[in-house]
């Protein structure tokens, strides 16, 4: 049985092969067929995931095989047909064009779609059309629970039976069901179809050889039936209060060269993305030129990356990934930036990222500290460059508690990976080195948090951030010299001390005066 890493490699090859065909196929107005040989013999694809995504307008594509997740997602105007089955999140974030799937699909087909037409000629799983805000989704077979959940516009036509909670939390759009309905969800109500509506909908279905009957039911928003939800804020508390850096060995001379650079790379490559320092700033857009510090230090951005920047992948920018990633130096898949991702869909997202990035560019996963074990396990299984653990969690857990959480899980991994910590405050030089000494490779954080007058213009952001980066670099080199460490790789847990019983209990570090971890951390 193939491993996830092997399936990912095969899927990335298919994705890149297709990219080479697209421009010529569109220019010649020639349909692309995948899964058939030159003489028409069938050679179906099998379980490739994260492929045939972000298809451009004017493309005509036909695919034979039983495929994995995310197939047909973010379609931007292509005519696409799958002769076979598809996994979860097929045609998610569909924008334009038409996608037809002849056999069964998994959960969340058409998730977040905004336009175009999706035709399913067989059964589908749960949450079809969830959060859709436009377009037409037609389901010929049966559907699972929560069809149209949280949709706010668009039309779903279900020509067979629906599961439970149909239309749950919907705020707009309509669902038409010509079959049995198990139950309505909160925020939805049903009524009989009107003659004019039947004529209108059958006109939509006519090109696809479908037709509704007068027995069809309309599901629409019930303004008085919804249940308001207010999600709690995520955060951390205490920063790294209660921990200090300490020397271990002789202080280095001021002439001793101290290095703070490192590299984030995929396990199978010898090169990757070079980090000037272990602080990766988080910005909305890639910065402009501002000086030697910022010009050579990667940032994590949502849009407009430079060739050295990481792009954070979430549902907000998923539709534009082809353009964004082709210009970037790496990618960070924000698991929390999508609704309820399964492990197989995360696998597909890794293929999407690797397929659009330049060859050998690093891909990382990011999730909050409560999911550290799954995060690092999946990073290893998928053969990715590393993981980012976000300290922000429900209930604002103490930030120092993340250090042993990550350290214990990381010690169990059998493959090399870069692990970084995302924090919710702008770090000092000591904060950055504390994370490195705890066994991680660096920090991601927004600049200027808490500043009374943060910069607002593009140029001012770049120049101010450049000064901050270079200032912290000088401070980090000074700390390392005083602690007797010539490089970041020499920093270890013995360079950290807890200066209170509480911080020693949460971090597992040696307590000042006691000079060893508390007994609870020493028991086997």
Protein backbone atom coordinates (compact mmCIF):
# COMPACT_ATOMS: atom_id res chain seq x y z
CA UNK A 1 0.00 0.00 0.00
CA UNK A 2 1.33 3.42 -0.98
CA UNK A 3 2.21 5.87 1.78
CA UNK A 4 0.80 9.38 1.87
CA UNK A 5 4.19 10.71 0.86
CA UNK A 6 4.31 8.46 -2.24
CA UNK A 7 0.77 9.43 -3.29
CA UNK A 8 1.70 13.09 -2.80
CA UNK A 9 4.76 12.78 -5.03
CA UNK A 10 2.73 11.10 -7.78
CA UNK A 11 0.01 13.75 -7.47
CA UNK A 12 2.50 16.63 -7.68
CA UNK A 13 3.97 15.15 -10.88
CA UNK A 14 0.50 14.97 -12.45
CA UNK A 15 -0.26 18.54 -11.36
CA UNK A 16 2.94 19.88 -12.89
CA UNK A 17 2.50 17.87 -16.09
CA UNK A 18 -0.98 19.38 -16.54
CA UNK A 19 0.35 22.90 -15.98
CA UNK A 20 2.71 22.43 -18.91
CA UNK A 21 -0.20 21.49 -21.20
CA UNK A 22 -2.65 24.26 -20.30
CA UNK A 23 -1.45 27.24 -22.33
CA UNK A 24 -1.01 25.25 -25.55
CA UNK A 25 -4.37 23.48 -25.13
CA UNK A 26 -6.20 26.79 -24.64
CA UNK A 27 -4.37 28.45 -27.53
CA UNK A 28 -5.23 25.60 -29.92
CA UNK A 29 -8.76 25.21 -28.47
CA UNK A 30 -7.97 21.56 -27.93
CA UNK A 31 -9.51 19.40 -25.19
CA UNK A 32 -7.11 17.74 -22.74
CA UNK A 33 -7.81 14.10 -21.89
CA UNK A 34 -6.13 12.44 -18.93
CA UNK A 35 -6.61 8.74 -18.19
CA UNK A 36 -6.63 7.58 -21.81
CA UNK A 37 -3.73 6.51 -24.04
CA UNK A 38 -2.98 7.89 -27.50
CA UNK A 39 -5.06 5.16 -29.11
CA UNK A 40 -7.98 5.71 -26.74
CA UNK A 41 -7.22 2.80 -24.40
CA UNK A 42 -8.21 3.43 -20.80
CA UNK A 43 -5.42 4.20 -18.33
CA UNK A 44 -7.37 5.52 -15.35
CA UNK A 45 -5.73 7.57 -12.65
CA UNK A 46 -5.96 6.25 -9.10
CA UNK A 47 -6.28 8.25 -5.87
CA UNK A 48 -4.26 11.28 -6.99
CA UNK A 49 -5.22 14.12 -4.66
CA UNK A 50 -5.12 17.90 -4.89
CA UNK A 51 -5.00 17.78 -8.70
CA UNK A 52 -7.03 19.53 -11.43
CA UNK A 53 -7.48 22.60 -9.22
CA UNK A 54 -7.57 26.32 -10.14
CA UNK A 55 -8.36 25.49 -13.77
CA UNK A 56 -8.30 28.57 -16.05
CA UNK A 57 -11.07 29.86 -18.30
CA UNK A 58 -11.41 28.40 -21.82
CA UNK A 59 -9.81 25.10 -20.82
CA UNK A 60 -11.61 21.85 -21.73
CA UNK A 61 -10.52 18.90 -19.61
CA UNK A 62 -11.71 15.31 -19.24
CA UNK A 63 -10.35 12.97 -16.57
CA UNK A 64 -10.77 9.20 -16.11
CA UNK A 65 -10.15 7.66 -12.70
CA UNK A 66 -11.12 7.36 -9.07
CA UNK A 67 -9.59 10.44 -7.51
CA UNK A 68 -8.75 11.87 -4.10
CA UNK A 69 -9.74 15.18 -2.51
CA UNK A 70 -10.03 18.77 -3.80
CA UNK A 71 -10.36 17.75 -7.45
CA UNK A 72 -12.00 20.56 -9.43
CA UNK A 73 -11.64 23.08 -6.60
CA UNK A 74 -11.30 26.81 -7.37
CA UNK A 75 -12.35 26.31 -11.00
CA UNK A 76 -11.99 29.66 -12.72
CA UNK A 77 -13.97 29.01 -15.90
CA UNK A 78 -12.94 25.63 -17.33
CA UNK A 79 -15.25 22.93 -18.68
CA UNK A 80 -14.22 19.90 -16.62
CA UNK A 81 -15.59 16.36 -16.49
CA UNK A 82 -14.53 13.53 -14.17
CA UNK A 83 -15.46 10.05 -15.34
CA UNK A 84 -15.13 8.35 -11.97
CA UNK A 85 -15.36 9.05 -8.26
CA UNK A 86 -13.92 11.98 -6.30
CA UNK A 87 -13.11 12.38 -2.59
CA UNK A 88 -13.89 15.24 -0.23
CA UNK A 89 -14.19 18.95 -1.12
CA UNK A 90 -14.62 18.32 -4.83
CA UNK A 91 -15.28 21.63 -6.63
CA UNK A 92 -14.79 23.58 -3.38
CA UNK A 93 -14.53 27.37 -3.88
CA UNK A 94 -15.80 26.96 -7.45
CA UNK A 95 -15.88 30.38 -9.15
CA UNK A 96 -16.88 29.94 -12.77
CA UNK A 97 -17.21 27.37 -15.55
CA UNK A 98 -18.77 23.94 -15.26
CA UNK A 99 -17.72 20.73 -13.54
CA UNK A 100 -19.44 17.36 -14.04
CA UNK A 101 -18.70 14.28 -11.91
CA UNK A 102 -20.22 11.02 -13.10
CA UNK A 103 -19.85 8.87 -9.98
CA UNK A 104 -19.93 9.25 -6.21
CA UNK A 105 -18.32 12.19 -4.38
CA UNK A 106 -17.28 12.61 -0.74
CA UNK A 107 -18.23 15.26 1.79
CA UNK A 108 -18.31 19.04 1.28
CA UNK A 109 -18.67 19.09 -2.49
CA UNK A 110 -19.08 22.70 -3.63
CA UNK A 111 -17.94 24.09 -0.27
CA UNK A 112 -17.78 27.89 -0.46
CA UNK A 113 -18.57 27.99 -4.19
CA UNK A 114 -19.31 31.48 -5.53
CA UNK A 115 -20.31 30.84 -9.14
CA UNK A 116 -20.46 28.48 -12.10
CA UNK A 117 -22.22 25.13 -12.33
CA UNK A 118 -21.44 21.80 -10.65
CA UNK A 119 -23.30 18.67 -11.79
CA UNK A 120 -23.15 15.46 -9.73
CA UNK A 121 -24.66 12.47 -11.54
CA UNK A 122 -24.52 10.17 -8.52
CA UNK A 123 -24.61 10.24 -4.71
CA UNK A 124 -22.67 12.65 -2.53
CA UNK A 125 -21.65 12.83 1.13
CA UNK A 126 -22.45 15.30 3.88
CA UNK A 127 -22.42 19.12 3.76
CA UNK A 128 -22.85 19.49 -0.01
CA UNK A 129 -22.92 23.19 -0.88
CA UNK A 130 -21.89 24.30 2.61
CA UNK A 131 -21.26 28.06 2.85
CA UNK A 132 -21.89 28.57 -0.87
CA UNK A 133 -22.64 32.15 -1.91
CA UNK A 134 -23.46 31.73 -5.59
CA UNK A 135 -23.67 29.35 -8.53
CA UNK A 136 -25.71 26.22 -9.25
CA UNK A 137 -25.14 22.81 -7.64
CA UNK A 138 -27.19 19.93 -9.09
CA UNK A 139 -27.18 16.52 -7.35
CA UNK A 140 -28.77 13.66 -9.28
CA UNK A 141 -28.37 11.04 -6.53
CA UNK A 142 -28.85 10.97 -2.77
CA UNK A 143 -27.12 13.42 -0.44
CA UNK A 144 -25.94 13.13 3.15
CA UNK A 145 -26.69 15.37 6.11
CA UNK A 146 -26.47 19.19 6.24
CA UNK A 147 -26.98 19.95 2.55
CA UNK A 148 -26.65 23.72 2.07
CA UNK A 149 -25.51 24.39 5.64
CA UNK A 150 -24.66 28.08 6.19
CA UNK A 151 -25.26 28.94 2.52
CA UNK A 152 -26.12 32.59 1.85
CA UNK A 153 -26.87 32.61 -1.88
CA UNK A 154 -26.97 30.37 -4.94
CA UNK A 155 -29.14 27.38 -5.80
CA UNK A 156 -28.86 23.70 -4.85
CA UNK A 157 -31.08 21.22 -6.70
CA UNK A 158 -31.30 17.76 -5.18
CA UNK A 159 -33.19 15.28 -7.36
CA UNK A 160 -33.32 12.45 -4.84
CA UNK A 161 -33.30 12.06 -1.05
CA UNK A 162 -31.65 14.31 1.54
CA UNK A 163 -30.28 13.45 4.98
CA UNK A 164 -30.85 15.34 8.21
CA UNK A 165 -30.44 19.05 9.06
CA UNK A 166 -30.85 20.25 5.49
CA UNK A 167 -30.30 24.01 5.23
CA UNK A 168 -28.86 24.32 8.74
CA UNK A 169 -27.92 27.94 9.55
CA UNK A 170 -28.63 29.10 5.98
CA UNK A 171 -29.06 32.87 5.54
CA UNK A 172 -29.93 33.03 1.84
CA UNK A 173 -30.19 31.12 -1.42
CA UNK A 174 -32.51 28.18 -1.97
CA UNK A 175 -32.46 24.40 -1.91
CA UNK A 176 -34.84 22.48 -4.16
CA UNK A 177 -35.49 18.84 -3.22
CA UNK A 178 -37.44 16.41 -5.41
CA UNK A 179 -37.27 13.53 -2.94
CA UNK A 180 -37.53 12.65 0.73
CA UNK A 181 -36.18 15.00 3.43
CA UNK A 182 -35.16 13.49 6.77
CA UNK A 183 -35.29 16.76 8.72
CA UNK A 184 -34.81 20.51 8.39
CA UNK A 185 -31.92 22.24 10.10
CA UNK A 186 -32.16 25.23 12.42
CA UNK A 187 -32.68 28.39 10.39
CA UNK A 188 -34.45 26.68 7.46
CA UNK A 189 -38.10 26.27 6.49
CA UNK A 190 -39.84 24.43 3.65
CA UNK A 191 -42.70 25.15 1.30
CA UNK A 192 -44.19 23.71 -1.88
CA UNK A 193 -42.75 24.74 -5.20
CA UNK A 194 -44.74 27.22 -7.27
CA UNK A 195 -45.51 26.73 -10.94
CA UNK A 196 -43.37 29.66 -12.07
CA UNK A 197 -40.44 28.39 -10.02
CA UNK A 198 -40.81 24.92 -11.51
CA UNK A 199 -40.66 26.33 -15.04
CA UNK A 200 -37.64 28.48 -14.17
CA UNK A 201 -35.71 25.62 -12.56
CA UNK A 202 -36.52 23.14 -15.32
CA UNK A 203 -35.16 25.68 -17.81
CA UNK A 204 -31.89 25.59 -15.83
CA UNK A 205 -31.90 21.79 -15.85
CA UNK A 206 -32.88 21.32 -19.49
CA UNK A 207 -29.31 21.47 -20.90
CA UNK A 208 -28.38 18.63 -18.53
CA UNK A 209 -31.39 16.42 -19.45
CA UNK A 210 -32.89 16.66 -15.93
CA UNK A 211 -36.44 17.61 -14.95
CA UNK A 212 -38.22 18.28 -11.66
CA UNK A 213 -41.81 17.42 -10.77
CA UNK A 214 -44.47 19.41 -8.90
CA UNK A 215 -43.69 17.26 -5.84
CA UNK A 216 -40.46 19.22 -5.32
CA UNK A 217 -39.97 21.19 -2.10
CA UNK A 218 -38.26 24.55 -1.65
CA UNK A 219 -36.01 25.02 1.38
CA UNK A 220 -35.26 28.63 2.26
CA UNK A 221 -34.16 30.81 5.17
CA UNK A 222 -36.30 31.00 8.28
CA UNK A 223 -35.42 34.40 9.81
CA UNK A 224 -36.86 33.38 13.19
CA UNK A 225 -35.43 29.89 13.36
CA UNK A 226 -31.69 30.49 13.50
CA UNK A 227 -29.42 30.03 16.51
CA UNK A 228 -26.90 32.88 17.04
CA UNK A 229 -23.31 31.81 17.69
CA UNK A 230 -20.51 33.95 19.12
CA UNK A 231 -17.16 32.20 18.85
CA UNK A 232 -14.66 32.77 21.69
CA UNK A 233 -11.38 34.54 21.03
CA UNK A 234 -8.20 32.49 20.90
CA UNK A 235 -5.02 33.71 22.51
CA UNK A 236 -2.23 33.07 24.99
CA UNK A 237 -1.30 34.54 28.35
CA UNK A 238 1.85 35.49 30.21
CA UNK A 239 4.24 35.50 27.26
CA UNK A 240 7.45 33.80 28.47
CA UNK A 241 7.28 35.41 31.90
CA UNK A 242 9.01 33.26 34.49
CA UNK A 243 11.79 32.05 32.16
CA UNK A 244 15.26 33.49 31.69
CA UNK A 245 18.25 32.72 29.48
CA UNK A 246 21.46 31.75 31.26
CA UNK A 247 25.09 31.07 30.33
CA UNK A 248 26.46 27.55 29.98
CA UNK A 249 30.18 27.70 29.51
CA UNK A 250 32.61 30.58 29.03
CA UNK A 251 31.63 33.88 27.47
CA UNK A 252 32.91 34.24 23.90
CA UNK A 253 35.24 37.06 22.95
CA UNK A 254 33.71 40.04 21.17
CA UNK A 255 35.70 39.11 18.05
CA UNK A 256 34.17 35.61 17.92
CA UNK A 257 31.82 35.24 14.95
CA UNK A 258 28.27 34.38 16.05
CA UNK A 259 25.75 33.09 13.48
CA UNK A 260 21.95 33.24 13.70
CA UNK A 261 20.95 32.09 10.22
CA UNK A 262 19.30 28.78 9.28
CA UNK A 263 17.47 27.05 6.42
CA UNK A 264 13.97 25.60 6.05
CA UNK A 265 13.94 22.82 3.45
CA UNK A 266 12.02 19.77 2.32
CA UNK A 267 13.47 16.45 3.60
CA UNK A 268 14.41 15.20 0.12
CA UNK A 269 16.27 18.35 -0.99
CA UNK A 270 19.65 19.83 -0.18
CA UNK A 271 18.54 23.45 -0.58
CA UNK A 272 15.60 25.43 0.77
CA UNK A 273 14.61 28.87 2.01
CA UNK A 274 17.34 30.66 3.94
CA UNK A 275 16.37 32.52 7.12
CA UNK A 276 18.55 35.50 7.93
CA UNK A 277 17.36 35.29 11.54
CA UNK A 278 14.92 33.05 13.47
CA UNK A 279 12.12 35.68 13.51
CA UNK A 280 9.75 35.42 10.51
CA UNK A 281 7.50 38.52 10.52
CA UNK A 282 3.80 38.08 9.67
CA UNK A 283 2.42 40.63 7.19
CA UNK A 284 -0.76 40.94 5.14
CA UNK A 285 1.24 41.60 1.96
CA UNK A 286 4.84 41.12 0.99
CA UNK A 287 6.95 44.13 2.04
CA UNK A 288 8.58 46.65 -0.27
CA UNK A 289 12.32 47.27 -0.24
CA UNK A 290 13.34 48.75 3.09
CA UNK A 291 16.95 47.82 3.80
CA UNK A 292 19.30 44.89 4.07
CA UNK A 293 17.43 43.34 7.01
CA UNK A 294 13.95 43.06 5.54
CA UNK A 295 15.15 42.58 1.95
CA UNK A 296 16.84 39.28 2.82
CA UNK A 297 14.51 37.98 5.56
CA UNK A 298 11.47 35.86 4.59
CA UNK A 299 8.04 36.94 5.87
CA UNK A 300 4.73 35.09 5.99
CA UNK A 301 2.09 36.89 3.92
CA UNK A 302 -1.45 36.35 2.69
CA UNK A 303 -0.88 38.00 -0.71
CA UNK A 304 1.71 39.62 -3.00
CA UNK A 305 4.71 37.59 -1.79
CA UNK A 306 8.31 38.20 -2.76
CA UNK A 307 10.38 35.30 -4.05
CA UNK A 308 11.64 34.66 -0.49
CA UNK A 309 8.28 34.85 1.32
CA UNK A 310 5.96 32.15 2.63
CA UNK A 311 2.30 32.38 1.57
CA UNK A 312 -0.21 31.46 4.28
CA UNK A 313 -2.89 29.28 2.65
CA UNK A 314 -6.44 29.67 3.98
CA UNK A 315 -9.93 29.71 2.50
CA UNK A 316 -9.66 33.51 2.06
CA UNK A 317 -6.91 33.24 -0.57
CA UNK A 318 -7.40 29.68 -1.82
CA UNK A 319 -8.94 30.80 -5.12
CA UNK A 320 -5.87 32.87 -6.08
CA UNK A 321 -3.17 30.37 -5.10
CA UNK A 322 -1.96 29.64 -8.63
CA UNK A 323 -0.79 33.25 -9.04
CA UNK A 324 0.39 33.77 -5.46
CA UNK A 325 2.44 30.58 -5.09
CA UNK A 326 4.18 30.85 -8.46
CA UNK A 327 5.90 33.99 -7.14
CA UNK A 328 6.60 32.74 -3.59
CA UNK A 329 9.48 31.02 -1.84
CA UNK A 330 7.36 28.66 0.25
CA UNK A 331 3.90 27.95 1.66
CA UNK A 332 2.27 27.53 5.06
CA UNK A 333 -0.99 25.56 5.12
CA UNK A 334 -3.08 27.10 7.90
CA UNK A 335 -5.23 24.17 9.03
CA UNK A 336 -7.31 26.48 11.22
CA UNK A 337 -7.94 28.73 8.21
CA UNK A 338 -10.36 26.18 6.71
CA UNK A 339 -13.52 24.65 8.18
CA UNK A 340 -13.07 21.21 9.73
CA UNK A 341 -10.32 19.77 7.54
CA UNK A 342 -9.89 16.00 7.46
CA UNK A 343 -6.39 14.54 7.24
CA UNK A 344 -6.97 13.44 3.65
CA UNK A 345 -7.89 17.01 2.63
CA UNK A 346 -4.77 18.35 4.36
CA UNK A 347 -2.87 15.84 2.23
CA UNK A 348 -4.53 17.32 -0.87
CA UNK A 349 -3.67 20.88 0.18
CA UNK A 350 -0.02 19.88 0.49
CA UNK A 351 -0.13 18.70 -3.13
CA UNK A 352 -1.81 21.95 -4.25
CA UNK A 353 0.95 23.96 -2.58
CA UNK A 354 3.85 21.85 -3.86
CA UNK A 355 2.41 21.71 -7.36
CA UNK A 356 2.20 25.50 -7.76
CA UNK A 357 5.42 26.45 -5.94
CA UNK A 358 8.83 26.42 -7.62
CA UNK A 359 10.58 23.05 -7.35
CA UNK A 360 12.09 22.27 -3.94
CA UNK A 361 10.28 25.17 -2.23
CA UNK A 362 9.39 24.29 1.38
CA UNK A 363 5.81 23.59 2.53
CA UNK A 364 4.84 23.72 6.21
CA UNK A 365 1.68 22.94 8.19
CA UNK A 366 0.31 25.27 10.88
CA UNK A 367 -2.21 24.57 13.65
CA UNK A 368 -2.75 25.57 17.28
CA UNK A 369 -0.93 24.03 20.21
CA UNK A 370 -3.87 21.80 21.17
CA UNK A 371 -3.27 19.80 17.96
CA UNK A 372 0.53 19.53 18.18
CA UNK A 373 0.69 15.74 18.07
CA UNK A 374 -1.41 15.44 14.89
CA UNK A 375 0.40 18.40 13.34
CA UNK A 376 3.88 16.94 13.67
CA UNK A 377 2.75 13.42 12.77
CA UNK A 378 1.17 14.63 9.52
CA UNK A 379 4.21 16.76 8.70
CA UNK A 380 6.34 13.61 8.90
CA UNK A 381 3.87 11.42 6.99
CA UNK A 382 3.59 13.90 4.12
CA UNK A 383 7.33 14.52 3.91
CA UNK A 384 6.97 18.29 4.44
CA UNK A 385 9.62 20.77 5.51
CA UNK A 386 8.19 21.48 8.92
CA UNK A 387 5.38 22.68 11.16
CA UNK A 388 4.31 25.87 12.89
CA UNK A 389 2.67 25.55 16.30
CA UNK A 390 0.36 28.46 17.12
CA UNK A 391 0.30 29.29 20.85
CA UNK A 392 -3.16 30.86 20.51
CA UNK A 393 -5.75 28.46 21.89
CA UNK A 394 -9.19 28.48 23.46
CA UNK A 395 -9.08 29.86 26.96
CA UNK A 396 -5.73 31.63 26.44
CA UNK A 397 -3.36 28.99 27.81
CA UNK A 398 -0.01 30.19 29.21
CA UNK A 399 2.51 30.62 26.40
CA UNK A 400 5.30 28.86 28.30
CA UNK A 401 3.18 25.70 28.46
CA UNK A 402 3.65 25.36 24.69
CA UNK A 403 7.39 24.76 25.12
CA UNK A 404 7.20 21.31 26.78
CA UNK A 405 4.13 20.39 24.73
CA UNK A 406 6.05 20.84 21.49
CA UNK A 407 9.31 19.49 22.89
CA UNK A 408 7.81 16.18 24.04
CA UNK A 409 6.05 15.55 20.73
CA UNK A 410 9.08 16.62 18.69
CA UNK A 411 11.34 14.22 20.58
CA UNK A 412 9.20 11.31 19.37
CA UNK A 413 9.57 12.16 15.68
CA UNK A 414 11.89 9.96 13.66
CA UNK A 415 12.37 12.35 10.74
CA UNK A 416 14.07 15.72 10.56
CA UNK A 417 11.77 18.74 10.35
CA UNK A 418 11.78 22.45 11.14
CA UNK A 419 9.35 23.37 13.93
CA UNK A 420 8.57 27.01 14.65
CA UNK A 421 6.30 28.74 17.17
CA UNK A 422 3.73 31.38 16.27
CA UNK A 423 3.13 33.85 19.10
CA UNK A 424 0.62 36.68 19.52
CA UNK A 425 2.99 39.44 20.58
CA UNK A 426 5.99 41.09 18.92
CA UNK A 427 9.04 39.20 20.24
CA UNK A 428 12.14 40.48 21.95
CA UNK A 429 15.54 38.99 21.17
CA UNK A 430 15.28 37.00 24.40
CA UNK A 431 11.86 35.59 23.38
CA UNK A 432 13.28 34.37 20.08
CA UNK A 433 16.28 32.69 21.68
CA UNK A 434 14.08 31.13 24.36
CA UNK A 435 12.09 29.31 21.69
CA UNK A 436 15.27 28.15 19.93
CA UNK A 437 16.76 26.91 23.22
CA UNK A 438 13.53 24.97 23.84
CA UNK A 439 14.27 22.91 20.70
CA UNK A 440 12.48 24.81 17.96
CA UNK A 441 13.86 26.67 14.95
CA UNK A 442 12.34 30.11 15.37
CA UNK A 443 9.31 32.34 15.83
CA UNK A 444 6.56 33.77 13.64
CA UNK A 445 4.93 36.96 14.91
CA UNK A 446 3.44 40.22 13.72
CA UNK A 447 5.59 43.33 14.10
CA UNK A 448 4.48 46.51 15.88
CA UNK A 449 1.97 44.85 18.26
CA UNK A 450 1.33 47.28 21.09
CA UNK A 451 3.08 50.22 19.38
CA UNK A 452 1.32 53.52 20.06
CA UNK A 453 1.80 54.71 16.48
CA UNK A 454 2.54 51.73 14.21
CA UNK A 455 3.59 52.52 10.62
CA UNK A 456 0.80 52.49 8.04
CA UNK A 457 2.33 53.21 4.63
CA UNK A 458 4.00 50.45 2.62
CA UNK A 459 7.38 52.21 2.65
CA UNK A 460 7.26 53.09 6.34
CA UNK A 461 6.30 49.52 7.29
CA UNK A 462 9.32 48.19 5.37
CA UNK A 463 11.86 50.66 6.77
CA UNK A 464 10.60 50.37 10.37
CA UNK A 465 10.53 46.58 10.21
CA UNK A 466 14.02 46.57 8.71
CA UNK A 467 15.30 48.55 11.68
CA UNK A 468 13.53 46.19 14.11
CA UNK A 469 14.98 43.09 12.44
CA UNK A 470 18.53 44.43 12.49
CA UNK A 471 18.17 45.61 16.10
CA UNK A 472 17.06 42.16 17.25
CA UNK A 473 19.85 40.51 15.30
CA UNK A 474 22.44 42.58 17.17
CA UNK A 475 20.80 41.76 20.49
CA UNK A 476 20.65 38.03 19.69
CA UNK A 477 24.34 37.95 18.81
CA UNK A 478 25.10 39.71 22.09
CA UNK A 479 23.06 37.18 24.06
CA UNK A 480 24.78 34.26 22.31
CA UNK A 481 28.25 35.64 23.01
CA UNK A 482 27.44 36.08 26.69
CA UNK A 483 25.96 32.58 26.93
CA UNK A 484 28.98 30.97 25.26
CA UNK A 485 27.12 29.81 22.12
CA UNK A 486 28.59 30.44 18.67
CA UNK A 487 25.40 29.58 16.77
CA UNK A 488 21.73 28.87 17.25
CA UNK A 489 22.36 25.14 17.01
CA UNK A 490 24.36 25.30 20.27
CA UNK A 491 21.38 26.61 22.26
CA UNK A 492 19.82 23.87 24.41
CA UNK A 493 17.38 23.55 27.28
CA UNK A 494 20.23 23.91 29.78
CA UNK A 495 20.41 27.56 28.68
CA UNK A 496 16.94 28.12 30.21
CA UNK A 497 15.88 28.55 33.82
CA UNK A 498 12.48 28.89 35.46
CA UNK A 499 12.52 31.63 38.10
CA UNK A 500 9.32 30.61 39.88
CA UNK A 501 7.75 27.37 41.05
CA UNK A 502 4.73 27.98 38.81
CA UNK A 503 6.81 28.48 35.65
CA UNK A 504 8.94 25.43 36.51
CA UNK A 505 5.78 23.34 36.92
CA UNK A 506 4.40 24.43 33.53
CA UNK A 507 7.63 24.39 31.51
CA UNK A 508 9.57 21.46 32.99
CA UNK A 509 12.68 23.66 33.14
CA UNK A 510 15.26 23.71 35.91
CA UNK A 511 14.14 25.88 38.79
CA UNK A 512 16.46 28.68 39.92
CA UNK A 513 18.29 27.64 43.09
CA UNK A 514 16.97 24.08 42.84
CA UNK A 515 19.06 23.68 39.64
CA UNK A 516 16.99 20.79 38.31
CA UNK A 517 13.45 20.17 37.06
CA UNK A 518 10.75 19.64 39.65
CA UNK A 519 10.28 15.98 40.67
CA UNK A 520 7.08 15.65 38.63
CA UNK A 521 9.15 16.15 35.44
CA UNK A 522 11.86 13.71 36.50
CA UNK A 523 9.70 10.65 37.18
CA UNK A 524 9.75 7.89 34.58
